[in-house]
Amino acid sequence: MKITLNQHISRRLGGIEGEIPLFSYMLKKSFTASTFRKFWSYWNPIYGYILRFYVYKPLKKLFSPIVARTLTFIINGIFHDLVVSINRTEAKY
């Protein structure tokens, strides 16, 4: 079952269902997390939603969960590398 982005953010950050917490709340939850796993659970829930429902879940239909996770990690790395490369290219001009 696919949930909405608002539901995902609320669940990740422990907010009221359907209400999106403030950005500062996300930062506070992330940097005061008791474990590294919880940190990543709270960190950037919008990007996590995109990775989960538009990358990992479709890949999981084609591959085993471990392969889908590995490919999601690789795609995530490529995306982050592209963003950094674009920013560096624009900064030169």
PDB file of N, CA and C in Angstrom:
ATOM      1  N   MET A   1       0.832  -1.178   0.000  1.00  0.00           N
ATOM      2  CA  MET A   1       0.000   0.000   0.000  1.00  0.00           C
ATOM      3  C   MET A   1       0.882   1.249   0.000  1.00  0.00           C
ATOM      4  N   LYS A   2       0.657   2.125  -0.955  1.00  0.00           N
ATOM      5  CA  LYS A   2       1.419   3.360  -1.038  1.00  0.00           C
ATOM      6  C   LYS A   2       0.748   4.434  -0.193  1.00  0.00           C
ATOM      7  N   ILE A   3       1.543   5.089   0.627  1.00  0.00           N
ATOM      8  CA  ILE A   3       1.029   6.171   1.451  1.00  0.00           C
ATOM      9  C   ILE A   3       1.378   7.505   0.787  1.00  0.00           C
ATOM     10  N   THR A   4       0.715   8.558   1.207  1.00  0.00           N
ATOM     11  CA  THR A   4       1.002   9.874   0.640  1.00  0.00           C
ATOM     12  C   THR A   4       2.292  10.429   1.237  1.00  0.00           C
ATOM     13  N   LEU A   5       2.831  11.429   0.568  1.00  0.00           N
ATOM     14  CA  LEU A   5       4.039  12.079   1.067  1.00  0.00           C
ATOM     15  C   LEU A   5       3.801  12.680   2.448  1.00  0.00           C
ATOM     16  N   ASN A   6       2.667  13.326   2.654  1.00  0.00           N
ATOM     17  CA  ASN A   6       2.350  13.902   3.968  1.00  0.00           C
ATOM     18  C   ASN A   6       2.308  12.836   5.057  1.00  0.00           C
ATOM     19  N   GLN A   7       1.689  11.695   4.756  1.00  0.00           N
ATOM     20  CA  GLN A   7       1.632  10.604   5.730  1.00  0.00           C
ATOM     21  C   GLN A   7       3.035  10.088   6.042  1.00  0.00           C
ATOM     22  N   HIS A   8       3.841   9.951   5.018  1.00  0.00           N
ATOM     23  CA  HIS A   8       5.217   9.455   5.195  1.00  0.00           C
ATOM     24  C   HIS A   8       6.012  10.386   6.110  1.00  0.00           C
ATOM     25  N   ILE A   9       5.950  11.678   5.837  1.00  0.00           N
ATOM     26  CA  ILE A   9       6.694  12.641   6.649  1.00  0.00           C
ATOM     27  C   ILE A   9       6.191  12.629   8.093  1.00  0.00           C
ATOM     28  N   SER A  10       4.881  12.616   8.264  1.00  0.00           N
ATOM     29  CA  SER A  10       4.313  12.589   9.616  1.00  0.00           C
ATOM     30  C   SER A  10       4.754  11.345  10.376  1.00  0.00           C
ATOM     31  N   ARG A  11       4.722  10.203   9.724  1.00  0.00           N
ATOM     32  CA  ARG A  11       5.114   8.951  10.381  1.00  0.00           C
ATOM     33  C   ARG A  11       6.597   8.939  10.703  1.00  0.00           C
ATOM     34  N   ARG A  12       7.412   9.397   9.784  1.00  0.00           N
ATOM     35  CA  ARG A  12       8.858   9.405  10.012  1.00  0.00           C
ATOM     36  C   ARG A  12       9.248  10.299  11.171  1.00  0.00           C
ATOM     37  N   LEU A  13       8.605  11.450  11.261  1.00  0.00           N
ATOM     38  CA  LEU A  13       8.988  12.424  12.282  1.00  0.00           C
ATOM     39  C   LEU A  13       8.129  12.349  13.537  1.00  0.00           C
ATOM     40  N   GLY A  14       7.174  11.421  13.558  1.00  0.00           N
ATOM     41  CA  GLY A  14       6.347  11.249  14.738  1.00  0.00           C
ATOM     42  C   GLY A  14       5.369  12.383  14.954  1.00  0.00           C
ATOM     43  N   GLY A  15       4.905  12.978  13.856  1.00  0.00           N
ATOM     44  CA  GLY A  15       3.957  14.089  13.960  1.00  0.00           C
ATOM     45  C   GLY A  15       2.525  13.616  13.921  1.00  0.00           C
ATOM     46  N   ILE A  16       1.651  14.559  13.866  1.00  0.00           N
ATOM     47  CA  ILE A  16       0.221  14.287  13.757  1.00  0.00           C
ATOM     48  C   ILE A  16      -0.067  13.868  12.322  1.00  0.00           C
ATOM     49  N   GLU A  17      -0.832  12.816  12.136  1.00  0.00           N
ATOM     50  CA  GLU A  17      -1.141  12.295  10.806  1.00  0.00           C
ATOM     51  C   GLU A  17      -1.662  13.396   9.891  1.00  0.00           C
ATOM     52  N   GLY A  18      -1.023  13.560   8.745  1.00  0.00           N
ATOM     53  CA  GLY A  18      -1.462  14.533   7.754  1.00  0.00           C
ATOM     54  C   GLY A  18      -0.907  15.933   7.947  1.00  0.00           C
ATOM     55  N   GLU A  19      -0.236  16.163   9.070  1.00  0.00           N
ATOM     56  CA  GLU A  19       0.340  17.485   9.338  1.00  0.00           C
ATOM     57  C   GLU A  19       1.852  17.394   9.163  1.00  0.00           C
ATOM     58  N   ILE A  20       2.407  18.241   8.325  1.00  0.00           N
ATOM     59  CA  ILE A  20       3.847  18.207   8.075  1.00  0.00           C
ATOM     60  C   ILE A  20       4.553  19.077   9.110  1.00  0.00           C
ATOM     61  N   PRO A  21       5.462  18.484   9.894  1.00  0.00           N
ATOM     62  CA  PRO A  21       6.214  19.264  10.874  1.00  0.00           C
ATOM     63  C   PRO A  21       7.149  20.270  10.186  1.00  0.00           C
ATOM     64  N   LEU A  22       7.574  21.262  10.907  1.00  0.00           N
ATOM     65  CA  LEU A  22       8.487  22.263  10.384  1.00  0.00           C
ATOM     66  C   LEU A  22       9.857  21.661  10.092  1.00  0.00           C
ATOM     67  N   PHE A  23      10.576  22.300   9.176  1.00  0.00           N
ATOM     68  CA  PHE A  23      11.925  21.863   8.813  1.00  0.00           C
ATOM     69  C   PHE A  23      12.833  21.831  10.043  1.00  0.00           C
ATOM     70  N   SER A  24      12.703  22.819  10.904  1.00  0.00           N
ATOM     71  CA  SER A  24      13.533  22.869  12.109  1.00  0.00           C
ATOM     72  C   SER A  24      13.269  21.656  13.011  1.00  0.00           C
ATOM     73  N   TYR A  25      12.035  21.164  13.004  1.00  0.00           N
ATOM     74  CA  TYR A  25      11.691  19.968  13.790  1.00  0.00           C
ATOM     75  C   TYR A  25      12.421  18.752  13.233  1.00  0.00           C
ATOM     76  N   MET A  26      12.510  18.647  11.888  1.00  0.00           N
ATOM     77  CA  MET A  26      13.235  17.550  11.261  1.00  0.00           C
ATOM     78  C   MET A  26      14.707  17.589  11.671  1.00  0.00           C
ATOM     79  N   LEU A  27      15.293  18.771  11.641  1.00  0.00           N
ATOM     80  CA  LEU A  27      16.703  18.900  12.027  1.00  0.00           C
ATOM     81  C   LEU A  27      16.912  18.516  13.489  1.00  0.00           C
ATOM     82  N   LYS A  28      16.015  18.996  14.349  1.00  0.00           N
ATOM     83  CA  LYS A  28      16.134  18.684  15.776  1.00  0.00           C
ATOM     84  C   LYS A  28      16.012  17.180  16.008  1.00  0.00           C
ATOM     85  N   LYS A  29      15.008  16.542  15.372  1.00  0.00           N
ATOM     86  CA  LYS A  29      14.831  15.094  15.534  1.00  0.00           C
ATOM     87  C   LYS A  29      16.060  14.338  15.030  1.00  0.00           C
ATOM     88  N   SER A  30      16.608  14.771  13.902  1.00  0.00           N
ATOM     89  CA  SER A  30      17.761  14.090  13.316  1.00  0.00           C
ATOM     90  C   SER A  30      18.983  14.189  14.222  1.00  0.00           C
ATOM     91  N   PHE A  31      19.316  15.408  14.622  1.00  0.00           N
ATOM     92  CA  PHE A  31      20.560  15.619  15.364  1.00  0.00           C
ATOM     93  C   PHE A  31      20.476  15.267  16.843  1.00  0.00           C
ATOM     94  N   THR A  32      19.293  14.932  17.323  1.00  0.00           N
ATOM     95  CA  THR A  32      19.172  14.456  18.709  1.00  0.00           C
ATOM     96  C   THR A  32      18.790  12.971  18.746  1.00  0.00           C
ATOM     97  N   ALA A  33      18.855  12.307  17.600  1.00  0.00           N
ATOM     98  CA  ALA A  33      18.517  10.880  17.527  1.00  0.00           C
ATOM     99  C   ALA A  33      19.497  10.076  18.369  1.00  0.00           C
ATOM    100  N   SER A  34      19.000   9.032  18.993  1.00  0.00           N
ATOM    101  CA  SER A  34      19.828   8.219  19.882  1.00  0.00           C
ATOM    102  C   SER A  34      20.682   7.195  19.134  1.00  0.00           C
ATOM    103  N   THR A  35      20.337   6.904  17.879  1.00  0.00           N
ATOM    104  CA  THR A  35      21.123   5.957  17.084  1.00  0.00           C
ATOM    105  C   THR A  35      21.298   6.498  15.666  1.00  0.00           C
ATOM    106  N   PHE A  36      22.290   5.949  14.988  1.00  0.00           N
ATOM    107  CA  PHE A  36      22.545   6.337  13.604  1.00  0.00           C
ATOM    108  C   PHE A  36      21.366   5.949  12.716  1.00  0.00           C
ATOM    109  N   ARG A  37      20.774   4.808  12.992  1.00  0.00           N
ATOM    110  CA  ARG A  37      19.610   4.369  12.216  1.00  0.00           C
ATOM    111  C   ARG A  37      18.441   5.348  12.356  1.00  0.00           C
ATOM    112  N   LYS A  38      18.210   5.823  13.582  1.00  0.00           N
ATOM    113  CA  LYS A  38      17.141   6.795  13.800  1.00  0.00           C
ATOM    114  C   LYS A  38      17.463   8.117  13.111  1.00  0.00           C
ATOM    115  N   PHE A  39      18.745   8.500  13.125  1.00  0.00           N
ATOM    116  CA  PHE A  39      19.142   9.719  12.418  1.00  0.00           C
ATOM    117  C   PHE A  39      18.682   9.648  10.968  1.00  0.00           C
ATOM    118  N   TRP A  40      18.982   8.541  10.284  1.00  0.00           N
ATOM    119  CA  TRP A  40      18.615   8.410   8.873  1.00  0.00           C
ATOM    120  C   TRP A  40      17.108   8.281   8.685  1.00  0.00           C
ATOM    121  N   SER A  41      16.426   7.787   9.682  1.00  0.00           N
ATOM    122  CA  SER A  41      14.972   7.713   9.602  1.00  0.00           C
ATOM    123  C   SER A  41      14.353   9.109   9.594  1.00  0.00           C
ATOM    124  N   TYR A  42      14.949  10.026  10.356  1.00  0.00           N
ATOM    125  CA  TYR A  42      14.425  11.380  10.459  1.00  0.00           C
ATOM    126  C   TYR A  42      14.958  12.311   9.369  1.00  0.00           C
ATOM    127  N   TRP A  43      16.149  12.006   8.879  1.00  0.00           N
ATOM    128  CA  TRP A  43      16.812  12.916   7.940  1.00  0.00           C
ATOM    129  C   TRP A  43      16.133  12.888   6.571  1.00  0.00           C
ATOM    130  N   ASN A  44      15.765  14.024   6.072  1.00  0.00           N
ATOM    131  CA  ASN A  44      15.194  14.249   4.749  1.00  0.00           C
ATOM    132  C   ASN A  44      14.129  13.223   4.359  1.00  0.00           C
ATOM    133  N   PRO A  45      12.991  13.249   5.029  1.00  0.00           N
ATOM    134  CA  PRO A  45      11.941  12.272   4.733  1.00  0.00           C
ATOM    135  C   PRO A  45      11.348  12.393   3.331  1.00  0.00           C
ATOM    136  N   ILE A  46      11.452  13.574   2.715  1.00  0.00           N
ATOM    137  CA  ILE A  46      10.931  13.727   1.344  1.00  0.00           C
ATOM    138  C   ILE A  46      11.778  12.908   0.380  1.00  0.00           C
ATOM    139  N   TYR A  47      13.084  13.025   0.494  1.00  0.00           N
ATOM    140  CA  TYR A  47      13.979  12.258  -0.365  1.00  0.00           C
ATOM    141  C   TYR A  47      13.842  10.752  -0.086  1.00  0.00           C
ATOM    142  N   GLY A  48      13.660  10.398   1.184  1.00  0.00           N
ATOM    143  CA  GLY A  48      13.443   9.000   1.540  1.00  0.00           C
ATOM    144  C   GLY A  48      12.185   8.432   0.914  1.00  0.00           C
ATOM    145  N   TYR A  49      11.149   9.243   0.859  1.00  0.00           N
ATOM    146  CA  TYR A  49       9.886   8.836   0.221  1.00  0.00           C
ATOM    147  C   TYR A  49      10.111   8.547  -1.261  1.00  0.00           C
ATOM    148  N   ILE A  50      10.815   9.446  -1.935  1.00  0.00           N
ATOM    149  CA  ILE A  50      11.101   9.271  -3.361  1.00  0.00           C
ATOM    150  C   ILE A  50      11.912   8.000  -3.592  1.00  0.00           C
ATOM    151  N   LEU A  51      12.954   7.813  -2.800  1.00  0.00           N
ATOM    152  CA  LEU A  51      13.774   6.608  -2.956  1.00  0.00           C
ATOM    153  C   LEU A  51      12.978   5.335  -2.685  1.00  0.00           C
ATOM    154  N   ARG A  52      12.157   5.376  -1.661  1.00  0.00           N
ATOM    155  CA  ARG A  52      11.410   4.173  -1.282  1.00  0.00           C
ATOM    156  C   ARG A  52      10.352   3.779  -2.315  1.00  0.00           C
ATOM    157  N   PHE A  53       9.517   4.747  -2.700  1.00  0.00           N
ATOM    158  CA  PHE A  53       8.372   4.410  -3.541  1.00  0.00           C
ATOM    159  C   PHE A  53       8.627   4.502  -5.042  1.00  0.00           C
ATOM    160  N   TYR A  54       9.658   5.237  -5.454  1.00  0.00           N
ATOM    161  CA  TYR A  54       9.902   5.397  -6.886  1.00  0.00           C
ATOM    162  C   TYR A  54      11.188   4.721  -7.367  1.00  0.00           C
ATOM    163  N   VAL A  55      12.001   4.251  -6.424  1.00  0.00           N
ATOM    164  CA  VAL A  55      13.226   3.550  -6.811  1.00  0.00           C
ATOM    165  C   VAL A  55      13.220   2.134  -6.229  1.00  0.00           C
ATOM    166  N   TYR A  56      13.240   2.031  -4.888  1.00  0.00           N
ATOM    167  CA  TYR A  56      13.366   0.720  -4.250  1.00  0.00           C
ATOM    168  C   TYR A  56      12.202  -0.230  -4.550  1.00  0.00           C
ATOM    169  N   LYS A  57      10.986   0.215  -4.332  1.00  0.00           N
ATOM    170  CA  LYS A  57       9.831  -0.692  -4.520  1.00  0.00           C
ATOM    171  C   LYS A  57       9.713  -1.197  -5.955  1.00  0.00           C
ATOM    172  N   PRO A  58       9.870  -0.341  -6.992  1.00  0.00           N
ATOM    173  CA  PRO A  58       9.835  -0.887  -8.358  1.00  0.00           C
ATOM    174  C   PRO A  58      10.982  -1.869  -8.627  1.00  0.00           C
ATOM    175  N   LEU A  59      12.171  -1.561  -8.084  1.00  0.00           N
ATOM    176  CA  LEU A  59      13.308  -2.477  -8.272  1.00  0.00           C
ATOM    177  C   LEU A  59      13.065  -3.808  -7.564  1.00  0.00           C
ATOM    178  N   LYS A  60      12.390  -3.751  -6.404  1.00  0.00           N
ATOM    179  CA  LYS A  60      12.115  -4.968  -5.633  1.00  0.00           C
ATOM    180  C   LYS A  60      11.161  -5.909  -6.374  1.00  0.00           C
ATOM    181  N   LYS A  61      10.362  -5.360  -7.279  1.00  0.00           N
ATOM    182  CA  LYS A  61       9.485  -6.210  -8.084  1.00  0.00           C
ATOM    183  C   LYS A  61      10.285  -6.995  -9.126  1.00  0.00           C
ATOM    184  N   LEU A  62      11.449  -6.469  -9.488  1.00  0.00           N
ATOM    185  CA  LEU A  62      12.283  -7.104 -10.516  1.00  0.00           C
ATOM    186  C   LEU A  62      13.424  -7.936  -9.938  1.00  0.00           C
ATOM    187  N   PHE A  63      13.904  -7.556  -8.748  1.00  0.00           N
ATOM    188  CA  PHE A  63      15.083  -8.193  -8.157  1.00  0.00           C
ATOM    189  C   PHE A  63      14.802  -8.601  -6.710  1.00  0.00           C
ATOM    190  N   SER A  64      15.739  -9.330  -6.140  1.00  0.00           N
ATOM    191  CA  SER A  64      15.641  -9.682  -4.721  1.00  0.00           C
ATOM    192  C   SER A  64      15.813  -8.407  -3.892  1.00  0.00           C
ATOM    193  N   PRO A  65      15.366  -8.418  -2.638  1.00  0.00           N
ATOM    194  CA  PRO A  65      15.494  -7.217  -1.803  1.00  0.00           C
ATOM    195  C   PRO A  65      16.933  -6.709  -1.670  1.00  0.00           C
ATOM    196  N   ILE A  66      17.900  -7.602  -1.540  1.00  0.00           N
ATOM    197  CA  ILE A  66      19.294  -7.158  -1.388  1.00  0.00           C
ATOM    198  C   ILE A  66      19.803  -6.482  -2.664  1.00  0.00           C
ATOM    199  N   VAL A  67      19.428  -7.000  -3.818  1.00  0.00           N
ATOM    200  CA  VAL A  67      19.830  -6.389  -5.090  1.00  0.00           C
ATOM    201  C   VAL A  67      19.116  -5.044  -5.254  1.00  0.00           C
ATOM    202  N   ALA A  68      17.838  -5.001  -4.909  1.00  0.00           N
ATOM    203  CA  ALA A  68      17.080  -3.752  -5.000  1.00  0.00           C
ATOM    204  C   ALA A  68      17.681  -2.687  -4.083  1.00  0.00           C
ATOM    205  N   ARG A  69      18.077  -3.079  -2.868  1.00  0.00           N
ATOM    206  CA  ARG A  69      18.708  -2.144  -1.931  1.00  0.00           C
ATOM    207  C   ARG A  69      20.034  -1.636  -2.476  1.00  0.00           C
ATOM    208  N   THR A  70      20.823  -2.550  -3.028  1.00  0.00           N
ATOM    209  CA  THR A  70      22.122  -2.169  -3.581  1.00  0.00           C
ATOM    210  C   THR A  70      21.953  -1.204  -4.754  1.00  0.00           C
ATOM    211  N   LEU A  71      21.029  -1.503  -5.645  1.00  0.00           N
ATOM    212  CA  LEU A  71      20.777  -0.613  -6.782  1.00  0.00           C
ATOM    213  C   LEU A  71      20.236   0.744  -6.334  1.00  0.00           C
ATOM    214  N   THR A  72      19.392   0.749  -5.315  1.00  0.00           N
ATOM    215  CA  THR A  72      18.876   2.008  -4.774  1.00  0.00           C
ATOM    216  C   THR A  72      20.019   2.838  -4.211  1.00  0.00           C
ATOM    217  N   PHE A  73      20.927   2.187  -3.509  1.00  0.00           N
ATOM    218  CA  PHE A  73      22.103   2.873  -2.964  1.00  0.00           C
ATOM    219  C   PHE A  73      22.950   3.468  -4.084  1.00  0.00           C
ATOM    220  N   ILE A  74      23.155   2.710  -5.143  1.00  0.00           N
ATOM    221  CA  ILE A  74      23.952   3.182  -6.286  1.00  0.00           C
ATOM    222  C   ILE A  74      23.261   4.367  -6.970  1.00  0.00           C
ATOM    223  N   ILE A  75      21.960   4.252  -7.199  1.00  0.00           N
ATOM    224  CA  ILE A  75      21.201   5.341  -7.827  1.00  0.00           C
ATOM    225  C   ILE A  75      21.246   6.592  -6.951  1.00  0.00           C
ATOM    226  N   ASN A  76      21.118   6.412  -5.647  1.00  0.00           N
ATOM    227  CA  ASN A  76      21.220   7.519  -4.710  1.00  0.00           C
ATOM    228  C   ASN A  76      22.588   8.195  -4.828  1.00  0.00           C
ATOM    229  N   GLY A  77      23.636   7.410  -4.888  1.00  0.00           N
ATOM    230  CA  GLY A  77      24.984   7.956  -5.027  1.00  0.00           C
ATOM    231  C   GLY A  77      25.169   8.713  -6.333  1.00  0.00           C
ATOM    232  N   ILE A  78      24.642   8.160  -7.413  1.00  0.00           N
ATOM    233  CA  ILE A  78      24.738   8.821  -8.721  1.00  0.00           C
ATOM    234  C   ILE A  78      24.007  10.164  -8.683  1.00  0.00           C
ATOM    235  N   PHE A  79      22.817  10.176  -8.100  1.00  0.00           N
ATOM    236  CA  PHE A  79      22.052  11.413  -8.006  1.00  0.00           C
ATOM    237  C   PHE A  79      22.814  12.469  -7.212  1.00  0.00           C
ATOM    238  N   HIS A  80      23.353  12.082  -6.059  1.00  0.00           N
ATOM    239  CA  HIS A  80      24.103  13.035  -5.247  1.00  0.00           C
ATOM    240  C   HIS A  80      25.341  13.534  -5.995  1.00  0.00           C
ATOM    241  N   ASP A  81      26.004  12.648  -6.719  1.00  0.00           N
ATOM    242  CA  ASP A  81      27.179  13.039  -7.492  1.00  0.00           C
ATOM    243  C   ASP A  81      26.804  14.019  -8.601  1.00  0.00           C
ATOM    244  N   LEU A  82      25.669  13.787  -9.254  1.00  0.00           N
ATOM    245  CA  LEU A  82      25.202  14.709 -10.294  1.00  0.00           C
ATOM    246  C   LEU A  82      24.927  16.101  -9.726  1.00  0.00           C
ATOM    247  N   VAL A  83      24.294  16.155  -8.570  1.00  0.00           N
ATOM    248  CA  VAL A  83      23.981  17.436  -7.943  1.00  0.00           C
ATOM    249  C   VAL A  83      25.267  18.198  -7.628  1.00  0.00           C
ATOM    250  N   VAL A  84      26.252  17.517  -7.070  1.00  0.00           N
ATOM    251  CA  VAL A  84      27.526  18.156  -6.749  1.00  0.00           C
ATOM    252  C   VAL A  84      28.223  18.610  -8.026  1.00  0.00           C
ATOM    253  N   SER A  85      28.211  17.779  -9.062  1.00  0.00           N
ATOM    254  CA  SER A  85      28.853  18.134 -10.330  1.00  0.00           C
ATOM    255  C   SER A  85      28.201  19.357 -10.964  1.00  0.00           C
ATOM    256  N   ILE A  86      26.889  19.410 -10.940  1.00  0.00           N
ATOM    257  CA  ILE A  86      26.172  20.566 -11.505  1.00  0.00           C
ATOM    258  C   ILE A  86      26.521  21.829 -10.724  1.00  0.00           C
ATOM    259  N   ASN A  87      26.546  21.719  -9.405  1.00  0.00           N
ATOM    260  CA  ASN A  87      26.880  22.890  -8.582  1.00  0.00           C
ATOM    261  C   ASN A  87      28.304  23.365  -8.843  1.00  0.00           C
ATOM    262  N   ARG A  88      29.235  22.457  -9.014  1.00  0.00           N
ATOM    263  CA  ARG A  88      30.625  22.842  -9.296  1.00  0.00           C
ATOM    264  C   ARG A  88      30.739  23.499 -10.657  1.00  0.00           C
ATOM    265  N   THR A  89      30.013  22.967 -11.644  1.00  0.00           N
ATOM    266  CA  THR A  89      30.049  23.538 -12.981  1.00  0.00           C
ATOM    267  C   THR A  89      29.489  24.945 -12.977  1.00  0.00           C
ATOM    268  N   GLU A  90      28.378  25.161 -12.281  1.00  0.00           N
ATOM    269  CA  GLU A  90      27.768  26.485 -12.215  1.00  0.00           C
ATOM    270  C   GLU A  90      28.619  27.466 -11.417  1.00  0.00           C
ATOM    271  N   ALA A  91      29.345  26.982 -10.439  1.00  0.00           N
ATOM    272  CA  ALA A  91      30.167  27.861  -9.598  1.00  0.00           C
ATOM    273  C   ALA A  91      31.356  28.419 -10.370  1.00  0.00           C
ATOM    274  N   LYS A  92      31.783  27.779 -11.441  1.00  0.00           N
ATOM    275  CA  LYS A  92      32.933  28.246 -12.211  1.00  0.00           C
ATOM    276  C   LYS A  92      32.609  29.483 -13.029  1.00  0.00           C
ATOM    277  N   TYR A  93      31.341  29.719 -13.298  1.00  0.00           N
ATOM    278  CA  TYR A  93      30.966  30.846 -14.172  1.00  0.00           C
ATOM    279  C   TYR A  93      30.544  32.046 -13.416  1.00  0.00           C
TER     280      TYR A  93
END
